[in-house]
């Protein structure tokens, strides 16, 4: 399963995004049952993409994350490439579609 970095401040999130060419941010809340179901599936999916770093933010601990990334519901999955948001999924994630989108994006950067 994909290794995940816990991020405990907005500064840590910003640093994580800048530090990795491909950074995937997972925003959740402890009481969210959908969040608990989506996370293991996401970690398994991201195993296919070794260059994508996964970071997790608890929106209850880092409340300002909602304003910074325009989060209205959880979970939110954000893919950043070179510091720019490239992909966003929220609440109900269609993993087959997400996998196809990630494969296309990843392939584009592999071909460079």
N, C-alpha and C. Protein backbone atom coordinates (compact mmCIF):
# COMPACT_ATOMS: atom_id res chain seq x y z
N UNK A 1 0.84 -1.18 0.00
CA UNK A 1 0.00 0.00 0.00
C UNK A 1 0.88 1.25 0.00
N UNK A 2 0.44 2.26 -0.72
CA UNK A 2 1.19 3.51 -0.87
C UNK A 2 1.49 4.14 0.49
N UNK A 3 2.74 4.56 0.66
CA UNK A 3 3.13 5.27 1.87
C UNK A 3 2.45 6.64 1.87
N UNK A 4 2.06 7.10 3.07
CA UNK A 4 1.33 8.35 3.18
C UNK A 4 1.99 9.24 4.23
N UNK A 5 2.12 10.52 3.91
CA UNK A 5 2.69 11.49 4.83
C UNK A 5 1.57 12.27 5.49
N UNK A 6 1.56 12.29 6.81
CA UNK A 6 0.57 13.09 7.54
C UNK A 6 1.03 14.54 7.56
N UNK A 7 0.15 15.44 7.18
CA UNK A 7 0.46 16.88 7.13
C UNK A 7 -0.38 17.59 8.18
N UNK A 8 0.28 18.33 9.09
CA UNK A 8 -0.42 18.88 10.24
C UNK A 8 -0.54 20.40 10.24
N UNK A 9 -0.18 21.05 9.13
CA UNK A 9 -0.33 22.50 9.03
C UNK A 9 -0.41 22.88 7.55
N UNK A 10 -0.92 24.07 7.30
CA UNK A 10 -1.01 24.56 5.93
C UNK A 10 0.39 24.73 5.35
N UNK A 11 1.33 25.17 6.18
CA UNK A 11 2.72 25.32 5.72
C UNK A 11 3.30 23.97 5.31
N UNK A 12 2.99 22.91 6.05
CA UNK A 12 3.47 21.57 5.71
C UNK A 12 2.88 21.10 4.39
N UNK A 13 1.61 21.44 4.15
CA UNK A 13 0.96 21.07 2.89
C UNK A 13 1.63 21.79 1.73
N UNK A 14 1.84 23.08 1.87
CA UNK A 14 2.49 23.87 0.81
C UNK A 14 3.90 23.33 0.52
N UNK A 15 4.64 23.01 1.57
CA UNK A 15 5.99 22.46 1.40
C UNK A 15 5.94 21.11 0.68
N UNK A 16 5.01 20.26 1.06
CA UNK A 16 4.85 18.94 0.45
C UNK A 16 4.59 19.07 -1.05
N UNK A 17 3.70 19.99 -1.42
CA UNK A 17 3.35 20.20 -2.83
C UNK A 17 4.56 20.69 -3.61
N UNK A 18 5.32 21.60 -3.03
CA UNK A 18 6.52 22.14 -3.71
C UNK A 18 7.64 21.11 -3.81
N UNK A 19 7.71 20.23 -2.83
CA UNK A 19 8.80 19.26 -2.72
C UNK A 19 8.71 18.14 -3.75
N UNK A 20 7.51 17.83 -4.23
CA UNK A 20 7.31 16.70 -5.15
C UNK A 20 6.75 17.19 -6.49
N UNK A 21 7.26 16.62 -7.58
CA UNK A 21 6.71 16.95 -8.89
C UNK A 21 5.24 16.53 -8.95
N UNK A 22 4.95 15.31 -8.48
CA UNK A 22 3.59 14.79 -8.42
C UNK A 22 3.21 14.66 -6.95
N UNK A 23 2.26 15.45 -6.49
CA UNK A 23 1.82 15.33 -5.10
C UNK A 23 0.30 15.17 -5.08
N UNK A 24 -0.14 14.17 -4.34
CA UNK A 24 -1.56 13.87 -4.21
C UNK A 24 -1.94 14.18 -2.77
N UNK A 25 -2.90 15.07 -2.60
CA UNK A 25 -3.34 15.48 -1.27
C UNK A 25 -4.72 14.89 -1.00
N UNK A 26 -4.83 14.20 0.13
CA UNK A 26 -6.09 13.59 0.53
C UNK A 26 -6.58 14.33 1.78
N UNK A 27 -7.74 14.98 1.66
CA UNK A 27 -8.31 15.75 2.76
C UNK A 27 -9.53 15.00 3.29
N UNK A 28 -9.54 14.74 4.60
CA UNK A 28 -10.63 13.98 5.20
C UNK A 28 -10.94 14.49 6.60
N UNK A 29 -11.94 13.88 7.21
CA UNK A 29 -12.30 14.14 8.60
C UNK A 29 -12.46 12.80 9.30
N UNK A 30 -12.13 12.72 10.58
CA UNK A 30 -12.21 11.44 11.30
C UNK A 30 -13.60 10.82 11.34
N UNK A 31 -14.66 11.61 11.41
CA UNK A 31 -16.01 11.08 11.51
C UNK A 31 -16.66 10.73 10.18
N UNK A 32 -15.92 10.83 9.10
CA UNK A 32 -16.46 10.63 7.75
C UNK A 32 -16.31 9.17 7.32
N UNK A 33 -17.43 8.46 7.19
CA UNK A 33 -17.35 7.04 6.81
C UNK A 33 -16.90 6.87 5.36
N UNK A 34 -17.30 7.78 4.48
CA UNK A 34 -16.84 7.71 3.09
C UNK A 34 -15.32 7.86 3.04
N UNK A 35 -14.79 8.77 3.85
CA UNK A 35 -13.33 8.99 3.90
C UNK A 35 -12.60 7.70 4.27
N UNK A 36 -13.13 7.00 5.25
CA UNK A 36 -12.49 5.76 5.71
C UNK A 36 -12.54 4.68 4.65
N UNK A 37 -13.58 4.67 3.83
CA UNK A 37 -13.71 3.68 2.76
C UNK A 37 -12.82 4.01 1.56
N UNK A 38 -12.68 5.29 1.25
CA UNK A 38 -11.95 5.72 0.06
C UNK A 38 -10.43 5.60 0.25
N UNK A 39 -9.93 5.91 1.43
CA UNK A 39 -8.48 5.95 1.63
C UNK A 39 -7.74 4.66 1.27
N UNK A 40 -8.15 3.48 1.74
CA UNK A 40 -7.41 2.27 1.36
C UNK A 40 -7.45 2.00 -0.15
N UNK A 41 -8.57 2.31 -0.79
CA UNK A 41 -8.66 2.13 -2.23
C UNK A 41 -7.70 3.08 -2.95
N UNK A 42 -7.62 4.31 -2.46
CA UNK A 42 -6.72 5.29 -3.06
C UNK A 42 -5.27 4.85 -2.91
N UNK A 43 -4.91 4.38 -1.73
CA UNK A 43 -3.53 3.95 -1.49
C UNK A 43 -3.16 2.78 -2.39
N UNK A 44 -4.08 1.85 -2.60
CA UNK A 44 -3.83 0.73 -3.52
C UNK A 44 -3.68 1.22 -4.95
N UNK A 45 -4.54 2.12 -5.37
CA UNK A 45 -4.47 2.67 -6.73
C UNK A 45 -3.14 3.38 -6.96
N UNK A 46 -2.71 4.18 -6.00
CA UNK A 46 -1.49 4.97 -6.18
C UNK A 46 -0.22 4.11 -6.15
N UNK A 47 -0.33 2.86 -5.73
CA UNK A 47 0.81 1.94 -5.82
C UNK A 47 1.31 1.82 -7.26
N UNK A 48 0.40 1.99 -8.22
CA UNK A 48 0.76 1.89 -9.64
C UNK A 48 1.61 3.07 -10.12
N UNK A 49 1.64 4.13 -9.33
CA UNK A 49 2.29 5.37 -9.75
C UNK A 49 3.37 5.77 -8.74
N UNK A 50 4.55 5.18 -8.86
CA UNK A 50 5.59 5.40 -7.85
C UNK A 50 6.07 6.85 -7.71
N UNK A 51 5.91 7.66 -8.73
CA UNK A 51 6.38 9.05 -8.64
C UNK A 51 5.40 9.97 -7.93
N UNK A 52 4.19 9.49 -7.66
CA UNK A 52 3.19 10.32 -6.98
C UNK A 52 3.34 10.14 -5.47
N UNK A 53 3.60 11.26 -4.78
CA UNK A 53 3.69 11.25 -3.31
C UNK A 53 2.31 11.55 -2.74
N UNK A 54 1.93 10.82 -1.69
CA UNK A 54 0.61 10.98 -1.07
C UNK A 54 0.72 11.64 0.29
N UNK A 55 -0.03 12.73 0.44
CA UNK A 55 -0.10 13.43 1.72
C UNK A 55 -1.53 13.46 2.22
N UNK A 56 -1.70 13.37 3.54
CA UNK A 56 -3.04 13.35 4.15
C UNK A 56 -3.20 14.53 5.10
N UNK A 57 -4.37 15.17 5.03
CA UNK A 57 -4.70 16.27 5.92
C UNK A 57 -6.02 15.97 6.62
N UNK A 58 -6.02 16.08 7.93
CA UNK A 58 -7.24 15.99 8.71
C UNK A 58 -7.82 17.41 8.76
N UNK A 59 -8.96 17.60 8.10
CA UNK A 59 -9.56 18.94 8.00
C UNK A 59 -10.03 19.47 9.35
N UNK A 60 -10.22 18.60 10.34
CA UNK A 60 -10.57 19.06 11.68
C UNK A 60 -9.36 19.68 12.38
N UNK A 61 -8.17 19.14 12.10
CA UNK A 61 -6.94 19.66 12.71
C UNK A 61 -6.42 20.90 11.99
N UNK A 62 -6.57 20.94 10.68
CA UNK A 62 -6.07 22.05 9.87
C UNK A 62 -7.28 22.69 9.18
N UNK A 63 -8.04 23.45 9.95
CA UNK A 63 -9.30 24.01 9.45
C UNK A 63 -9.11 24.96 8.28
N UNK A 64 -7.99 25.67 8.23
CA UNK A 64 -7.76 26.63 7.15
C UNK A 64 -7.56 25.98 5.79
N UNK A 65 -7.41 24.65 5.77
CA UNK A 65 -7.25 23.94 4.51
C UNK A 65 -8.51 24.07 3.65
N UNK A 66 -9.67 24.18 4.29
CA UNK A 66 -10.94 24.32 3.56
C UNK A 66 -10.95 25.60 2.72
N UNK A 67 -10.50 26.68 3.29
CA UNK A 67 -10.44 27.94 2.55
C UNK A 67 -9.36 27.96 1.50
N UNK A 68 -8.20 27.41 1.84
CA UNK A 68 -7.06 27.42 0.90
C UNK A 68 -7.36 26.63 -0.37
N UNK A 69 -8.04 25.48 -0.24
CA UNK A 69 -8.28 24.61 -1.39
C UNK A 69 -9.75 24.53 -1.79
N UNK A 70 -10.58 25.47 -1.30
CA UNK A 70 -12.01 25.50 -1.63
C UNK A 70 -12.68 24.14 -1.41
N UNK A 71 -12.55 23.65 -0.19
CA UNK A 71 -13.12 22.35 0.17
C UNK A 71 -14.47 22.57 0.85
N UNK A 72 -15.52 21.98 0.26
CA UNK A 72 -16.86 22.12 0.81
C UNK A 72 -17.39 20.82 1.39
N UNK A 73 -16.76 19.70 1.04
CA UNK A 73 -17.15 18.39 1.54
C UNK A 73 -15.89 17.53 1.58
N UNK A 74 -15.96 16.44 2.31
CA UNK A 74 -14.83 15.51 2.35
C UNK A 74 -15.34 14.13 1.96
N UNK A 75 -14.50 13.26 1.47
CA UNK A 75 -13.09 13.49 1.18
C UNK A 75 -12.88 14.29 -0.11
N UNK A 76 -11.72 14.92 -0.18
CA UNK A 76 -11.28 15.61 -1.39
C UNK A 76 -9.92 15.06 -1.76
N UNK A 77 -9.76 14.75 -3.03
CA UNK A 77 -8.51 14.22 -3.57
C UNK A 77 -7.99 15.23 -4.57
N UNK A 78 -6.79 15.72 -4.35
CA UNK A 78 -6.20 16.74 -5.22
C UNK A 78 -4.85 16.26 -5.74
N UNK A 79 -4.67 16.30 -7.05
CA UNK A 79 -3.37 15.98 -7.64
C UNK A 79 -2.73 17.27 -8.10
N UNK A 80 -1.51 17.50 -7.64
CA UNK A 80 -0.72 18.66 -8.06
C UNK A 80 0.46 18.17 -8.88
N UNK A 81 0.70 18.86 -9.99
CA UNK A 81 1.88 18.59 -10.80
C UNK A 81 2.67 19.88 -10.88
N UNK A 82 3.91 19.81 -10.45
CA UNK A 82 4.78 21.00 -10.40
C UNK A 82 4.10 22.16 -9.68
N UNK A 83 3.38 21.85 -8.60
CA UNK A 83 2.78 22.88 -7.77
C UNK A 83 1.43 23.40 -8.22
N UNK A 84 0.92 22.91 -9.35
CA UNK A 84 -0.36 23.37 -9.88
C UNK A 84 -1.41 22.27 -9.76
N UNK A 85 -2.60 22.64 -9.28
CA UNK A 85 -3.67 21.65 -9.19
C UNK A 85 -4.05 21.17 -10.58
N UNK A 86 -4.06 19.86 -10.75
CA UNK A 86 -4.27 19.26 -12.06
C UNK A 86 -5.53 18.41 -12.10
N UNK A 87 -5.93 17.90 -10.94
CA UNK A 87 -7.08 16.98 -10.89
C UNK A 87 -7.73 17.11 -9.52
N UNK A 88 -9.05 17.03 -9.50
CA UNK A 88 -9.80 17.14 -8.23
C UNK A 88 -10.96 16.16 -8.26
N UNK A 89 -11.09 15.41 -7.19
CA UNK A 89 -12.24 14.53 -6.98
C UNK A 89 -12.76 14.82 -5.59
N UNK A 90 -14.07 14.75 -5.42
CA UNK A 90 -14.65 15.02 -4.10
C UNK A 90 -15.81 14.07 -3.82
N UNK A 91 -15.96 13.78 -2.55
CA UNK A 91 -17.03 12.96 -1.97
C UNK A 91 -17.07 11.55 -2.53
N UNK A 92 -17.78 11.32 -3.63
CA UNK A 92 -17.89 9.98 -4.18
C UNK A 92 -16.92 9.83 -5.35
N UNK A 93 -15.95 8.96 -5.20
CA UNK A 93 -14.87 8.82 -6.17
C UNK A 93 -15.13 7.59 -7.04
N UNK A 94 -15.09 7.78 -8.35
CA UNK A 94 -15.21 6.68 -9.30
C UNK A 94 -13.79 6.22 -9.63
N UNK A 95 -13.36 5.15 -8.98
CA UNK A 95 -11.97 4.74 -9.07
C UNK A 95 -11.53 4.30 -10.45
N UNK A 96 -12.44 3.72 -11.24
CA UNK A 96 -12.06 3.31 -12.59
C UNK A 96 -11.72 4.54 -13.43
N UNK A 97 -12.56 5.58 -13.33
CA UNK A 97 -12.32 6.82 -14.07
C UNK A 97 -11.07 7.52 -13.55
N UNK A 98 -10.89 7.54 -12.25
CA UNK A 98 -9.71 8.17 -11.67
C UNK A 98 -8.44 7.47 -12.14
N UNK A 99 -8.47 6.14 -12.16
CA UNK A 99 -7.31 5.37 -12.62
C UNK A 99 -6.97 5.70 -14.07
N UNK A 100 -7.97 5.77 -14.93
CA UNK A 100 -7.73 6.10 -16.34
C UNK A 100 -7.15 7.50 -16.49
N UNK A 101 -7.68 8.45 -15.76
CA UNK A 101 -7.17 9.83 -15.83
C UNK A 101 -5.73 9.89 -15.34
N UNK A 102 -5.43 9.21 -14.25
CA UNK A 102 -4.07 9.19 -13.73
C UNK A 102 -3.10 8.54 -14.72
N UNK A 103 -3.53 7.46 -15.35
CA UNK A 103 -2.67 6.78 -16.33
C UNK A 103 -2.35 7.72 -17.49
N UNK A 104 -3.35 8.45 -17.99
CA UNK A 104 -3.12 9.38 -19.10
C UNK A 104 -2.15 10.49 -18.70
N UNK A 105 -2.40 11.08 -17.54
CA UNK A 105 -1.54 12.17 -17.05
C UNK A 105 -0.11 11.66 -16.85
N UNK A 106 0.00 10.52 -16.20
CA UNK A 106 1.32 9.94 -15.89
C UNK A 106 2.07 9.64 -17.18
N UNK A 107 1.36 9.09 -18.17
CA UNK A 107 1.96 8.75 -19.46
C UNK A 107 2.51 10.00 -20.15
N UNK A 108 1.76 11.09 -20.10
CA UNK A 108 2.21 12.33 -20.72
C UNK A 108 3.55 12.78 -20.15
N UNK A 109 3.70 12.68 -18.84
CA UNK A 109 4.94 13.12 -18.21
C UNK A 109 6.06 12.11 -18.37
N UNK A 110 5.72 10.84 -18.53
CA UNK A 110 6.74 9.81 -18.76
C UNK A 110 7.36 9.97 -20.14
N UNK A 111 6.57 10.45 -21.10
CA UNK A 111 7.03 10.59 -22.48
C UNK A 111 7.93 11.80 -22.69
N UNK A 112 7.97 12.71 -21.72
CA UNK A 112 8.78 13.92 -21.88
C UNK A 112 10.26 13.62 -21.87
